[in-house]
Amino acid sequence: MPRLITYGCSFTDYKWSTWADILAENCELDLYNRGLGGCGNNFIFARLKQDMALGKIQKNDIIRIMWCYYNRVSVF
């Protein structure tokens, strides 16, 4: 069964339900939420690339990304 893997900032992963939780519930998919509050687009992209390189994403997984404001960046 495919998983829903989501990436984004606090709009993706927060203390209460976000669009990722609602989407997973409505589509009846297991959610693997990779969002992180306060992060910028460069962090979101880096996390996606890292997950791909480490083989954390499987063939049938469904990936959804919620990008932040275009000039929001993370320093890491």
Protein backbone atom coordinates (compact mmCIF):
# COMPACT_ATOMS: atom_id res chain seq x y z
CA MET A 1 0.00 0.00 0.00
CA PRO A 2 1.41 3.43 -0.87
CA ARG A 3 2.24 5.96 1.81
CA LEU A 4 1.67 9.68 1.67
CA ILE A 5 4.96 11.48 2.31
CA THR A 6 4.68 15.21 2.85
CA TYR A 7 7.30 17.96 3.04
CA GLY A 8 6.91 21.56 4.14
CA CYS A 9 7.03 24.01 7.04
CA SER A 10 4.65 24.41 9.98
CA PHE A 11 1.68 24.45 7.60
CA THR A 12 2.58 20.79 6.98
CA ASP A 13 3.51 19.64 10.50
CA TYR A 14 2.10 21.38 13.55
CA LYS A 15 0.52 20.72 16.97
CA TRP A 16 -2.92 20.23 15.42
CA SER A 17 -4.12 18.73 12.15
CA THR A 18 -2.76 20.23 8.96
CA TRP A 19 -3.52 19.73 5.27
CA ALA A 20 -1.22 16.68 5.36
CA ASP A 21 -3.23 14.96 8.09
CA ILE A 22 -6.53 15.76 6.38
CA LEU A 23 -5.29 14.54 2.98
CA ALA A 24 -3.99 11.27 4.42
CA GLU A 25 -7.25 10.66 6.26
CA ASN A 26 -9.44 11.45 3.25
CA CYS A 27 -7.33 9.28 0.93
CA GLU A 28 -7.00 6.53 3.56
CA LEU A 29 -3.21 6.52 3.34
CA ASP A 30 -0.54 6.11 5.99
CA LEU A 31 1.14 9.48 6.55
CA TYR A 32 4.90 9.93 6.78
CA ASN A 33 5.13 13.63 7.60
CA ARG A 34 8.56 15.17 6.94
CA GLY A 35 7.49 18.78 7.56
CA LEU A 36 9.32 20.98 10.03
CA GLY A 37 8.10 24.26 11.49
CA GLY A 38 10.17 27.33 10.70
CA CYS A 39 12.10 25.82 7.81
CA GLY A 40 12.63 27.39 4.40
CA ASN A 41 12.45 26.03 0.88
CA ASN A 42 16.13 25.09 0.75
CA PHE A 43 15.67 22.89 3.84
CA ILE A 44 12.53 21.29 2.40
CA PHE A 45 14.39 20.45 -0.82
CA ALA A 46 17.47 19.21 1.08
CA ARG A 47 15.32 16.90 3.20
CA LEU A 48 13.61 15.49 0.11
CA LYS A 49 16.98 14.88 -1.58
CA GLN A 50 18.33 13.22 1.57
CA ASP A 51 15.31 10.91 1.84
CA MET A 52 15.71 9.93 -1.80
CA ALA A 53 19.45 9.25 -1.36
CA LEU A 54 18.84 7.14 1.76
CA GLY A 55 16.12 5.08 0.07
CA LYS A 56 13.35 6.25 2.39
CA ILE A 57 11.02 6.80 -0.55
CA GLN A 58 9.55 3.67 -2.11
CA LYS A 59 8.27 3.12 -5.63
CA ASN A 60 4.54 3.47 -4.85
CA ASP A 61 4.78 6.34 -2.34
CA ILE A 62 2.88 9.55 -3.03
CA ILE A 63 4.93 12.72 -2.45
CA ARG A 64 3.38 16.13 -1.77
CA ILE A 65 5.35 19.30 -1.06
CA MET A 66 4.06 22.58 0.31
CA TRP A 67 6.67 25.20 -0.48
CA CYS A 68 7.08 28.24 1.77
CA TYR A 69 7.18 31.87 0.74
CA TYR A 70 9.72 32.19 -2.07
CA ASN A 71 12.32 34.14 -0.11
CA ARG A 72 12.15 32.16 3.13
CA VAL A 73 15.43 30.34 3.65
CA SER A 74 16.97 28.16 6.32
CA VAL A 75 20.55 28.48 7.50
CA PHE A 76 22.03 25.10 8.31
